[in-house]
Amino acid sequence: SANDFVNGQKLVVVPLLSGSGMRIKIVEAMALAKPVVTTSLGIEGIAAENGREAVIEDEPQQMASAIMGLLNDAAKREQLGIAAASFARENFGSKALVEKQLSFYQQLLGN
C-alpha cells in the first residue's frame, strides 16, 4: 500500500516545478509524521511553515542540501515529522474538516 511505502522511508521529497491544486500526497505524508521536502509550488494550498512543518526549497542545490541534512539528522526528522502530523491533524483531520463545513453552512444560512 502507499502508506506502507511511505512509512518505510525516512522522508518524502516532492520536487514539483509545475502543476496546480493542493498536493494530497503531501498532506498524507505529513499525517504519517514523515518530514516533507518540497518546492513552493509543491506546498501550494497547504499553509505549512517552512522549517517547522515542512522544508520548502526552490533551488536544486538548497533542496539537495536540505535532503542530506535531514537524512543525517534523525532528531530533526523526528521533530519535523511530529510537527507535520500535528499540522495535518489540525488542518485536514476529520474534526477540522467538519468544523469548516459547518461554518460554511452557517454562513450560507446567515447564522
PDB file of N, CA and C in Angstrom:
ATOM      1  N   SER A   1       0.838  -1.189   0.000  1.00  0.00           N
ATOM      2  CA  SER A   1       0.000   0.000   0.000  1.00  0.00           C
ATOM      3  C   SER A   1       0.879   1.248   0.000  1.00  0.00           C
ATOM      4  N   ALA A   2       0.297   2.365  -0.367  1.00  0.00           N
ATOM      5  CA  ALA A   2       1.033   3.630  -0.390  1.00  0.00           C
ATOM      6  C   ALA A   2       1.502   4.005   1.011  1.00  0.00           C
ATOM      7  N   ASN A   3       0.654   3.788   2.016  1.00  0.00           N
ATOM      8  CA  ASN A   3       1.044   4.105   3.393  1.00  0.00           C
ATOM      9  C   ASN A   3       2.227   3.264   3.844  1.00  0.00           C
ATOM     10  N   ASP A   4       2.229   1.985   3.513  1.00  0.00           N
ATOM     11  CA  ASP A   4       3.351   1.120   3.874  1.00  0.00           C
ATOM     12  C   ASP A   4       4.634   1.608   3.218  1.00  0.00           C
ATOM     13  N   PHE A   5       4.540   2.007   1.955  1.00  0.00           N
ATOM     14  CA  PHE A   5       5.719   2.504   1.253  1.00  0.00           C
ATOM     15  C   PHE A   5       6.253   3.770   1.932  1.00  0.00           C
ATOM     16  N   VAL A   6       5.379   4.728   2.184  1.00  0.00           N
ATOM     17  CA  VAL A   6       5.802   5.988   2.805  1.00  0.00           C
ATOM     18  C   VAL A   6       6.363   5.726   4.200  1.00  0.00           C
ATOM     19  N   ASN A   7       5.719   4.863   4.956  1.00  0.00           N
ATOM     20  CA  ASN A   7       6.204   4.555   6.307  1.00  0.00           C
ATOM     21  C   ASN A   7       7.587   3.919   6.302  1.00  0.00           C
ATOM     22  N   GLY A   8       7.957   3.299   5.203  1.00  0.00           N
ATOM     23  CA  GLY A   8       9.269   2.682   5.099  1.00  0.00           C
ATOM     24  C   GLY A   8      10.385   3.654   4.729  1.00  0.00           C
ATOM     25  N   GLN A   9      10.047   4.926   4.531  1.00  0.00           N
ATOM     26  CA  GLN A   9      11.029   5.935   4.116  1.00  0.00           C
ATOM     27  C   GLN A   9      11.361   6.867   5.270  1.00  0.00           C
ATOM     28  N   LYS A  10      12.541   7.481   5.202  1.00  0.00           N
ATOM     29  CA  LYS A  10      12.943   8.438   6.226  1.00  0.00           C
ATOM     30  C   LYS A  10      12.304   9.803   6.006  1.00  0.00           C
ATOM     31  N   LEU A  11      12.033  10.151   4.745  1.00  0.00           N
ATOM     32  CA  LEU A  11      11.394  11.426   4.418  1.00  0.00           C
ATOM     33  C   LEU A  11      10.752  11.332   3.054  1.00  0.00           C
ATOM     34  N   VAL A  12       9.967  12.344   2.725  1.00  0.00           N
ATOM     35  CA  VAL A  12       9.269  12.392   1.435  1.00  0.00           C
ATOM     36  C   VAL A  12       9.735  13.641   0.696  1.00  0.00           C
ATOM     37  N   VAL A  13      10.140  13.468  -0.560  1.00  0.00           N
ATOM     38  CA  VAL A  13      10.616  14.575  -1.392  1.00  0.00           C
ATOM     39  C   VAL A  13       9.621  14.779  -2.529  1.00  0.00           C
ATOM     40  N   VAL A  14       9.150  16.030  -2.675  1.00  0.00           N
ATOM     41  CA  VAL A  14       8.183  16.370  -3.720  1.00  0.00           C
ATOM     42  C   VAL A  14       8.735  17.586  -4.467  1.00  0.00           C
ATOM     43  N   PRO A  15       9.602  17.361  -5.459  1.00  0.00           N
ATOM     44  CA  PRO A  15      10.277  18.473  -6.148  1.00  0.00           C
ATOM     45  C   PRO A  15       9.481  19.033  -7.333  1.00  0.00           C
ATOM     46  N   LEU A  16       8.250  19.444  -7.099  1.00  0.00           N
ATOM     47  CA  LEU A  16       7.393  19.915  -8.176  1.00  0.00           C
ATOM     48  C   LEU A  16       7.803  21.290  -8.683  1.00  0.00           C
ATOM     49  N   LEU A  17       7.822  21.415 -10.001  1.00  0.00           N
ATOM     50  CA  LEU A  17       8.135  22.693 -10.641  1.00  0.00           C
ATOM     51  C   LEU A  17       6.980  23.203 -11.491  1.00  0.00           C
ATOM     52  N   SER A  18       5.940  22.373 -11.671  1.00  0.00           N
ATOM     53  CA  SER A  18       4.767  22.798 -12.420  1.00  0.00           C
ATOM     54  C   SER A  18       3.565  22.026 -11.905  1.00  0.00           C
ATOM     55  N   GLY A  19       2.384  22.532 -12.225  1.00  0.00           N
ATOM     56  CA  GLY A  19       1.154  21.886 -11.799  1.00  0.00           C
ATOM     57  C   GLY A  19       0.289  22.851 -11.022  1.00  0.00           C
ATOM     58  N   SER A  20      -0.876  22.358 -10.599  1.00  0.00           N
ATOM     59  CA  SER A  20      -1.783  23.198  -9.837  1.00  0.00           C
ATOM     60  C   SER A  20      -2.580  22.337  -8.878  1.00  0.00           C
ATOM     61  N   GLY A  21      -3.223  22.990  -7.936  1.00  0.00           N
ATOM     62  CA  GLY A  21      -4.044  22.288  -6.962  1.00  0.00           C
ATOM     63  C   GLY A  21      -3.234  21.840  -5.760  1.00  0.00           C
ATOM     64  N   MET A  22      -3.949  21.456  -4.708  1.00  0.00           N
ATOM     65  CA  MET A  22      -3.287  21.011  -3.490  1.00  0.00           C
ATOM     66  C   MET A  22      -2.779  19.582  -3.680  1.00  0.00           C
ATOM     67  N   ARG A  23      -1.603  19.323  -3.176  1.00  0.00           N
ATOM     68  CA  ARG A  23      -0.979  18.002  -3.296  1.00  0.00           C
ATOM     69  C   ARG A  23      -1.374  17.134  -2.109  1.00  0.00           C
ATOM     70  N   ILE A  24      -2.383  16.307  -2.291  1.00  0.00           N
ATOM     71  CA  ILE A  24      -2.889  15.497  -1.185  1.00  0.00           C
ATOM     72  C   ILE A  24      -1.834  14.512  -0.690  1.00  0.00           C
ATOM     73  N   LYS A  25      -0.933  14.066  -1.554  1.00  0.00           N
ATOM     74  CA  LYS A  25       0.109  13.136  -1.106  1.00  0.00           C
ATOM     75  C   LYS A  25       1.022  13.791  -0.070  1.00  0.00           C
ATOM     76  N   ILE A  26       1.205  15.110  -0.157  1.00  0.00           N
ATOM     77  CA  ILE A  26       1.997  15.811   0.856  1.00  0.00           C
ATOM     78  C   ILE A  26       1.258  15.776   2.190  1.00  0.00           C
ATOM     79  N   VAL A  27      -0.038  16.059   2.172  1.00  0.00           N
ATOM     80  CA  VAL A  27      -0.821  16.020   3.403  1.00  0.00           C
ATOM     81  C   VAL A  27      -0.824  14.608   3.986  1.00  0.00           C
ATOM     82  N   GLU A  28      -0.942  13.607   3.126  1.00  0.00           N
ATOM     83  CA  GLU A  28      -0.924  12.220   3.602  1.00  0.00           C
ATOM     84  C   GLU A  28       0.414  11.880   4.255  1.00  0.00           C
ATOM     85  N   ALA A  29       1.512  12.296   3.633  1.00  0.00           N
ATOM     86  CA  ALA A  29       2.838  12.047   4.214  1.00  0.00           C
ATOM     87  C   ALA A  29       2.977  12.760   5.548  1.00  0.00           C
ATOM     88  N   MET A  30       2.489  13.986   5.612  1.00  0.00           N
ATOM     89  CA  MET A  30       2.547  14.739   6.866  1.00  0.00           C
ATOM     90  C   MET A  30       1.745  14.022   7.946  1.00  0.00           C
ATOM     91  N   ALA A  31       0.559  13.526   7.593  1.00  0.00           N
ATOM     92  CA  ALA A  31      -0.284  12.818   8.558  1.00  0.00           C
ATOM     93  C   ALA A  31       0.399  11.563   9.087  1.00  0.00           C
ATOM     94  N   LEU A  32       1.287  10.983   8.286  1.00  0.00           N
ATOM     95  CA  LEU A  32       2.053   9.807   8.707  1.00  0.00           C
ATOM     96  C   LEU A  32       3.327  10.195   9.456  1.00  0.00           C
ATOM     97  N   ALA A  33       3.456  11.487   9.787  1.00  0.00           N
ATOM     98  CA  ALA A  33       4.599  12.020  10.542  1.00  0.00           C
ATOM     99  C   ALA A  33       5.912  11.886   9.779  1.00  0.00           C
ATOM    100  N   LYS A  34       5.826  12.020   8.455  1.00  0.00           N
ATOM    101  CA  LYS A  34       7.030  11.984   7.630  1.00  0.00           C
ATOM    102  C   LYS A  34       7.458  13.410   7.303  1.00  0.00           C
ATOM    103  N   PRO A  35       8.738  13.713   7.458  1.00  0.00           N
ATOM    104  CA  PRO A  35       9.206  15.029   7.037  1.00  0.00           C
ATOM    105  C   PRO A  35       9.063  15.149   5.520  1.00  0.00           C
ATOM    106  N   VAL A  36       8.648  16.324   5.068  1.00  0.00           N
ATOM    107  CA  VAL A  36       8.440  16.576   3.646  1.00  0.00           C
ATOM    108  C   VAL A  36       9.373  17.686   3.191  1.00  0.00           C
ATOM    109  N   VAL A  37      10.081  17.433   2.087  1.00  0.00           N
ATOM    110  CA  VAL A  37      10.900  18.450   1.433  1.00  0.00           C
ATOM    111  C   VAL A  37      10.270  18.691   0.075  1.00  0.00           C
ATOM    112  N   THR A  38       9.896  19.930  -0.194  1.00  0.00           N
ATOM    113  CA  THR A  38       9.200  20.240  -1.433  1.00  0.00           C
ATOM    114  C   THR A  38       9.530  21.654  -1.894  1.00  0.00           C
ATOM    115  N   THR A  39       8.891  22.060  -2.967  1.00  0.00           N
ATOM    116  CA  THR A  39       9.070  23.406  -3.513  1.00  0.00           C
ATOM    117  C   THR A  39       7.882  24.276  -3.098  1.00  0.00           C
ATOM    118  N   SER A  40       7.988  25.572  -3.363  1.00  0.00           N
ATOM    119  CA  SER A  40       6.872  26.483  -3.091  1.00  0.00           C
ATOM    120  C   SER A  40       5.632  26.037  -3.855  1.00  0.00           C
ATOM    121  N   LEU A  41       5.816  25.595  -5.079  1.00  0.00           N
ATOM    122  CA  LEU A  41       4.692  25.119  -5.874  1.00  0.00           C
ATOM    123  C   LEU A  41       4.141  23.816  -5.310  1.00  0.00           C
ATOM    124  N   GLY A  42       5.014  22.951  -4.834  1.00  0.00           N
ATOM    125  CA  GLY A  42       4.577  21.683  -4.265  1.00  0.00           C
ATOM    126  C   GLY A  42       3.708  21.858  -3.035  1.00  0.00           C
ATOM    127  N   ILE A  43       4.002  22.853  -2.229  1.00  0.00           N
ATOM    128  CA  ILE A  43       3.271  23.071  -0.974  1.00  0.00           C
ATOM    129  C   ILE A  43       2.098  24.035  -1.144  1.00  0.00           C
ATOM    130  N   GLU A  44       1.926  24.534  -2.375  1.00  0.00           N
ATOM    131  CA  GLU A  44       0.854  25.489  -2.649  1.00  0.00           C
ATOM    132  C   GLU A  44      -0.496  24.943  -2.181  1.00  0.00           C
ATOM    133  N   GLY A  45      -1.232  25.762  -1.456  1.00  0.00           N
ATOM    134  CA  GLY A  45      -2.532  25.357  -0.937  1.00  0.00           C
ATOM    135  C   GLY A  45      -2.460  24.707   0.431  1.00  0.00           C
ATOM    136  N   ILE A  46      -1.257  24.502   0.919  1.00  0.00           N
ATOM    137  CA  ILE A  46      -1.035  23.902   2.242  1.00  0.00           C
ATOM    138  C   ILE A  46      -0.237  24.932   3.035  1.00  0.00           C
ATOM    139  N   ALA A  47      -0.832  25.490   4.060  1.00  0.00           N
ATOM    140  CA  ALA A  47      -0.230  26.612   4.784  1.00  0.00           C
ATOM    141  C   ALA A  47       0.815  26.181   5.812  1.00  0.00           C
ATOM    142  N   ALA A  48       1.666  25.246   5.437  1.00  0.00           N
ATOM    143  CA  ALA A  48       2.724  24.792   6.339  1.00  0.00           C
ATOM    144  C   ALA A  48       3.835  25.832   6.399  1.00  0.00           C
ATOM    145  N   GLU A  49       4.439  25.945   7.571  1.00  0.00           N
ATOM    146  CA  GLU A  49       5.530  26.891   7.771  1.00  0.00           C
ATOM    147  C   GLU A  49       6.865  26.230   7.428  1.00  0.00           C
ATOM    148  N   ASN A  50       7.644  26.905   6.581  1.00  0.00           N
ATOM    149  CA  ASN A  50       8.948  26.390   6.171  1.00  0.00           C
ATOM    150  C   ASN A  50       9.847  26.204   7.390  1.00  0.00           C
ATOM    151  N   GLY A  51      10.420  25.012   7.505  1.00  0.00           N
ATOM    152  CA  GLY A  51      11.314  24.704   8.610  1.00  0.00           C
ATOM    153  C   GLY A  51      10.605  24.227   9.857  1.00  0.00           C
ATOM    154  N   ARG A  52       9.289  24.349   9.894  1.00  0.00           N
ATOM    155  CA  ARG A  52       8.527  23.903  11.061  1.00  0.00           C
ATOM    156  C   ARG A  52       7.730  22.641  10.737  1.00  0.00           C
ATOM    157  N   GLU A  53       6.855  22.706   9.723  1.00  0.00           N
ATOM    158  CA  GLU A  53       6.046  21.542   9.352  1.00  0.00           C
ATOM    159  C   GLU A  53       6.504  20.896   8.058  1.00  0.00           C
ATOM    160  N   ALA A  54       7.336  21.583   7.305  1.00  0.00           N
ATOM    161  CA  ALA A  54       7.887  21.063   6.047  1.00  0.00           C
ATOM    162  C   ALA A  54       9.127  21.886   5.721  1.00  0.00           C
ATOM    163  N   VAL A  55       9.910  21.382   4.783  1.00  0.00           N
ATOM    164  CA  VAL A  55      11.057  22.141   4.285  1.00  0.00           C
ATOM    165  C   VAL A  55      10.742  22.525   2.853  1.00  0.00           C
ATOM    166  N   ILE A  56      10.824  23.821   2.568  1.00  0.00           N
ATOM    167  CA  ILE A  56      10.468  24.343   1.251  1.00  0.00           C
ATOM    168  C   ILE A  56      11.703  24.972   0.625  1.00  0.00           C
ATOM    169  N   GLU A  57      12.157  24.392  -0.484  1.00  0.00           N
ATOM    170  CA  GLU A  57      13.334  24.882  -1.203  1.00  0.00           C
ATOM    171  C   GLU A  57      13.044  24.863  -2.695  1.00  0.00           C
ATOM    172  N   ASP A  58      13.273  25.980  -3.354  1.00  0.00           N
ATOM    173  CA  ASP A  58      13.022  26.070  -4.790  1.00  0.00           C
ATOM    174  C   ASP A  58      14.277  25.873  -5.638  1.00  0.00           C
ATOM    175  N   GLU A  59      15.429  26.032  -5.050  1.00  0.00           N
ATOM    176  CA  GLU A  59      16.691  25.878  -5.786  1.00  0.00           C
ATOM    177  C   GLU A  59      17.229  24.461  -5.589  1.00  0.00           C
ATOM    178  N   PRO A  60      17.649  23.801  -6.668  1.00  0.00           N
ATOM    179  CA  PRO A  60      18.112  22.408  -6.578  1.00  0.00           C
ATOM    180  C   PRO A  60      19.211  22.182  -5.537  1.00  0.00           C
ATOM    181  N   GLN A  61      20.201  23.069  -5.464  1.00  0.00           N
ATOM    182  CA  GLN A  61      21.300  22.882  -4.500  1.00  0.00           C
ATOM    183  C   GLN A  61      20.799  22.967  -3.067  1.00  0.00           C
ATOM    184  N   GLN A  62      19.910  23.928  -2.796  1.00  0.00           N
ATOM    185  CA  GLN A  62      19.367  24.069  -1.443  1.00  0.00           C
ATOM    186  C   GLN A  62      18.476  22.881  -1.089  1.00  0.00           C
ATOM    187  N   MET A  63      17.737  22.385  -2.085  1.00  0.00           N
ATOM    188  CA  MET A  63      16.894  21.221  -1.833  1.00  0.00           C
ATOM    189  C   MET A  63      17.757  20.002  -1.518  1.00  0.00           C
ATOM    190  N   ALA A  64      18.793  19.792  -2.319  1.00  0.00           N
ATOM    191  CA  ALA A  64      19.697  18.662  -2.075  1.00  0.00           C
ATOM    192  C   ALA A  64      20.341  18.774  -0.698  1.00  0.00           C
ATOM    193  N   SER A  65      20.748  19.971  -0.331  1.00  0.00           N
ATOM    194  CA  SER A  65      21.363  20.192   0.972  1.00  0.00           C
ATOM    195  C   SER A  65      20.370  19.902   2.096  1.00  0.00           C
ATOM    196  N   ALA A  66      19.116  20.343   1.929  1.00  0.00           N
ATOM    197  CA  ALA A  66      18.084  20.091   2.935  1.00  0.00           C
ATOM    198  C   ALA A  66      17.821  18.596   3.080  1.00  0.00           C
ATOM    199  N   ILE A  67      17.766  17.894   1.959  1.00  0.00           N
ATOM    200  CA  ILE A  67      17.540  16.442   1.988  1.00  0.00           C
ATOM    201  C   ILE A  67      18.679  15.747   2.723  1.00  0.00           C
ATOM    202  N   MET A  68      19.898  16.073   2.365  1.00  0.00           N
ATOM    203  CA  MET A  68      21.060  15.445   3.015  1.00  0.00           C
ATOM    204  C   MET A  68      21.093  15.782   4.501  1.00  0.00           C
ATOM    205  N   GLY A  69      20.775  17.030   4.822  1.00  0.00           N
ATOM    206  CA  GLY A  69      20.745  17.420   6.231  1.00  0.00           C
ATOM    207  C   GLY A  69      19.760  16.602   7.035  1.00  0.00           C
ATOM    208  N   LEU A  70      18.571  16.390   6.478  1.00  0.00           N
ATOM    209  CA  LEU A  70      17.567  15.595   7.178  1.00  0.00           C
ATOM    210  C   LEU A  70      17.936  14.118   7.247  1.00  0.00           C
ATOM    211  N   LEU A  71      18.526  13.604   6.179  1.00  0.00           N
ATOM    212  CA  LEU A  71      18.934  12.195   6.200  1.00  0.00           C
ATOM    213  C   LEU A  71      19.992  11.939   7.269  1.00  0.00           C
ATOM    214  N   ASN A  72      20.784  12.948   7.560  1.00  0.00           N
ATOM    215  CA  ASN A  72      21.858  12.811   8.549  1.00  0.00           C
ATOM    216  C   ASN A  72      21.476  13.259   9.953  1.00  0.00           C
ATOM    217  N   ASP A  73      20.237  13.697  10.158  1.00  0.00           N
ATOM    218  CA  ASP A  73      19.833  14.221  11.459  1.00  0.00           C
ATOM    219  C   ASP A  73      18.485  13.623  11.867  1.00  0.00           C
ATOM    220  N   ALA A  74      18.552  12.474  12.541  1.00  0.00           N
ATOM    221  CA  ALA A  74      17.336  11.763  12.951  1.00  0.00           C
ATOM    222  C   ALA A  74      16.470  12.612  13.872  1.00  0.00           C
ATOM    223  N   ALA A  75      17.079  13.382  14.752  1.00  0.00           N
ATOM    224  CA  ALA A  75      16.316  14.217  15.682  1.00  0.00           C
ATOM    225  C   ALA A  75      15.515  15.279  14.934  1.00  0.00           C
ATOM    226  N   LYS A  76      16.126  15.901  13.941  1.00  0.00           N
ATOM    227  CA  LYS A  76      15.433  16.920  13.141  1.00  0.00           C
ATOM    228  C   LYS A  76      14.306  16.279  12.336  1.00  0.00           C
ATOM    229  N   ARG A  77      14.552  15.086  11.777  1.00  0.00           N
ATOM    230  CA  ARG A  77      13.494  14.380  11.047  1.00  0.00           C
ATOM    231  C   ARG A  77      12.306  14.105  11.961  1.00  0.00           C
ATOM    232  N   GLU A  78      12.602  13.647  13.163  1.00  0.00           N
ATOM    233  CA  GLU A  78      11.531  13.333  14.109  1.00  0.00           C
ATOM    234  C   GLU A  78      10.759  14.597  14.495  1.00  0.00           C
ATOM    235  N   GLN A  79      11.478  15.668  14.778  1.00  0.00           N
ATOM    236  CA  GLN A  79      10.850  16.942  15.149  1.00  0.00           C
ATOM    237  C   GLN A  79       9.947  17.447  14.026  1.00  0.00           C
ATOM    238  N   LEU A  80      10.452  17.432  12.805  1.00  0.00           N
ATOM    239  CA  LEU A  80       9.686  17.881  11.643  1.00  0.00           C
ATOM    240  C   LEU A  80       8.474  16.976  11.419  1.00  0.00           C
ATOM    241  N   GLY A  81       8.660  15.674  11.564  1.00  0.00           N
ATOM    242  CA  GLY A  81       7.565  14.722  11.382  1.00  0.00           C
ATOM    243  C   GLY A  81       6.453  14.912  12.398  1.00  0.00           C
ATOM    244  N   ILE A  82       6.821  15.145  13.641  1.00  0.00           N
ATOM    245  CA  ILE A  82       5.817  15.373  14.693  1.00  0.00           C
ATOM    246  C   ILE A  82       5.030  16.647  14.404  1.00  0.00           C
ATOM    247  N   ALA A  83       5.739  17.709  14.032  1.00  0.00           N
ATOM    248  CA  ALA A  83       5.067  18.974  13.711  1.00  0.00           C
ATOM    249  C   ALA A  83       4.178  18.815  12.490  1.00  0.00           C
ATOM    250  N   ALA A  84       4.641  18.048  11.504  1.00  0.00           N
ATOM    251  CA  ALA A  84       3.859  17.820  10.287  1.00  0.00           C
ATOM    252  C   ALA A  84       2.571  17.067  10.606  1.00  0.00           C
ATOM    253  N   ALA A  85       2.672  16.032  11.437  1.00  0.00           N
ATOM    254  CA  ALA A  85       1.488  15.250  11.794  1.00  0.00           C
ATOM    255  C   ALA A  85       0.481  16.105  12.556  1.00  0.00           C
ATOM    256  N   SER A  86       0.964  16.927  13.462  1.00  0.00           N
ATOM    257  CA  SER A  86       0.087  17.818  14.213  1.00  0.00           C
ATOM    258  C   SER A  86      -0.604  18.808  13.269  1.00  0.00           C
ATOM    259  N   PHE A  87       0.171  19.377  12.349  1.00  0.00           N
ATOM    260  CA  PHE A  87      -0.373  20.311  11.357  1.00  0.00           C
ATOM    261  C   PHE A  87      -1.456  19.635  10.519  1.00  0.00           C
ATOM    262  N   ALA A  88      -1.179  18.433  10.037  1.00  0.00           N
ATOM    263  CA  ALA A  88      -2.144  17.714   9.195  1.00  0.00           C
ATOM    264  C   ALA A  88      -3.425  17.429   9.970  1.00  0.00           C
ATOM    265  N   ARG A  89      -3.285  17.006  11.214  1.00  0.00           N
ATOM    266  CA  ARG A  89      -4.446  16.699  12.043  1.00  0.00           C
ATOM    267  C   ARG A  89      -5.275  17.964  12.301  1.00  0.00           C
ATOM    268  N   GLU A  90      -4.601  19.070  12.650  1.00  0.00           N
ATOM    269  CA  GLU A  90      -5.299  20.318  12.975  1.00  0.00           C
ATOM    270  C   GLU A  90      -5.965  20.963  11.757  1.00  0.00           C
ATOM    271  N   ASN A  91      -5.390  20.776  10.575  1.00  0.00           N
ATOM    272  CA  ASN A  91      -5.895  21.451   9.385  1.00  0.00           C
ATOM    273  C   ASN A  91      -6.679  20.564   8.425  1.00  0.00           C
ATOM    274  N   PHE A  92      -6.429  19.251   8.465  1.00  0.00           N
ATOM    275  CA  PHE A  92      -7.047  18.358   7.489  1.00  0.00           C
ATOM    276  C   PHE A  92      -7.678  17.115   8.111  1.00  0.00           C
ATOM    277  N   GLY A  93      -7.654  17.020   9.437  1.00  0.00           N
ATOM    278  CA  GLY A  93      -8.288  15.897  10.114  1.00  0.00           C
ATOM    279  C   GLY A  93      -9.802  15.994  10.023  1.00  0.00           C
ATOM    280  N   SER A  94     -10.483  14.924  10.353  1.00  0.00           N
ATOM    281  CA  SER A  94     -11.945  14.874  10.250  1.00  0.00           C
ATOM    282  C   SER A  94     -12.606  15.999  11.031  1.00  0.00           C
ATOM    283  N   LYS A  95     -12.158  16.229  12.259  1.00  0.00           N
ATOM    284  CA  LYS A  95     -12.759  17.269  13.092  1.00  0.00           C
ATOM    285  C   LYS A  95     -12.607  18.642  12.440  1.00  0.00           C
ATOM    286  N   ALA A  96     -11.405  18.945  11.948  1.00  0.00           N
ATOM    287  CA  ALA A  96     -11.161  20.248  11.314  1.00  0.00           C
ATOM    288  C   ALA A  96     -12.017  20.413  10.068  1.00  0.00           C
ATOM    289  N   LEU A  97     -12.131  19.371   9.277  1.00  0.00           N
ATOM    290  CA  LEU A  97     -12.922  19.457   8.048  1.00  0.00           C
ATOM    291  C   LEU A  97     -14.412  19.612   8.341  1.00  0.00           C
ATOM    292  N   VAL A  98     -14.905  18.910   9.359  1.00  0.00           N
ATOM    293  CA  VAL A  98     -16.312  19.038   9.732  1.00  0.00           C
ATOM    294  C   VAL A  98     -16.593  20.447  10.239  1.00  0.00           C
ATOM    295  N   GLU A  99     -15.688  20.993  11.052  1.00  0.00           N
ATOM    296  CA  GLU A  99     -15.872  22.363  11.557  1.00  0.00           C
ATOM    297  C   GLU A  99     -15.899  23.372  10.410  1.00  0.00           C
ATOM    298  N   LYS A 100     -15.026  23.201   9.428  1.00  0.00           N
ATOM    299  CA  LYS A 100     -15.023  24.098   8.267  1.00  0.00           C
ATOM    300  C   LYS A 100     -16.314  23.970   7.477  1.00  0.00           C
ATOM    301  N   GLN A 101     -16.799  22.744   7.312  1.00  0.00           N
ATOM    302  CA  GLN A 101     -18.045  22.517   6.579  1.00  0.00           C
ATOM    303  C   GLN A 101     -19.221  23.129   7.318  1.00  0.00           C
ATOM    304  N   LEU A 102     -19.280  22.955   8.638  1.00  0.00           N
ATOM    305  CA  LEU A 102     -20.365  23.546   9.421  1.00  0.00           C
ATOM    306  C   LEU A 102     -20.340  25.067   9.339  1.00  0.00           C
ATOM    307  N   SER A 103     -19.158  25.632   9.413  1.00  0.00           N
ATOM    308  CA  SER A 103     -19.015  27.085   9.310  1.00  0.00           C
ATOM    309  C   SER A 103     -19.511  27.573   7.957  1.00  0.00           C
ATOM    310  N   PHE A 104     -19.178  26.846   6.918  1.00  0.00           N
ATOM    311  CA  PHE A 104     -19.638  27.192   5.565  1.00  0.00           C
ATOM    312  C   PHE A 104     -21.162  27.178   5.498  1.00  0.00           C
ATOM    313  N   TYR A 105     -21.789  26.126   6.032  1.00  0.00           N
ATOM    314  CA  TYR A 105     -23.247  26.031   6.005  1.00  0.00           C
ATOM    315  C   TYR A 105     -23.891  27.131   6.838  1.00  0.00           C
ATOM    316  N   GLN A 106     -23.292  27.460   7.978  1.00  0.00           N
ATOM    317  CA  GLN A 106     -23.832  28.523   8.827  1.00  0.00           C
ATOM    318  C   GLN A 106     -23.788  29.861   8.097  1.00  0.00           C
ATOM    319  N   GLN A 107     -22.727  30.095   7.360  1.00  0.00           N
ATOM    320  CA  GLN A 107     -22.631  31.336   6.576  1.00  0.00           C
ATOM    321  C   GLN A 107     -23.708  31.366   5.492  1.00  0.00           C
ATOM    322  N   LEU A 108     -23.928  30.238   4.862  1.00  0.00           N
ATOM    323  CA  LEU A 108     -24.974  30.162   3.826  1.00  0.00           C
ATOM    324  C   LEU A 108     -26.355  30.457   4.405  1.00  0.00           C
ATOM    325  N   LEU A 109     -26.577  29.976   5.621  1.00  0.00           N
ATOM    326  CA  LEU A 109     -27.882  30.145   6.250  1.00  0.00           C
ATOM    327  C   LEU A 109     -28.024  31.489   6.952  1.00  0.00           C
ATOM    328  N   GLY A 110     -26.910  32.233   7.021  1.00  0.00           N
ATOM    329  CA  GLY A 110     -26.953  33.548   7.651  1.00  0.00           C
ATOM    330  C   GLY A 110     -26.895  33.518   9.158  1.00  0.00           C
ATOM    331  N   ASN A 111     -26.406  32.446   9.733  1.00  0.00           N
ATOM    332  CA  ASN A 111     -26.294  32.326  11.200  1.00  0.00           C
ATOM    333  C   ASN A 111     -24.901  32.714  11.586  1.00  0.00           C
TER     334      ASN A 111
END
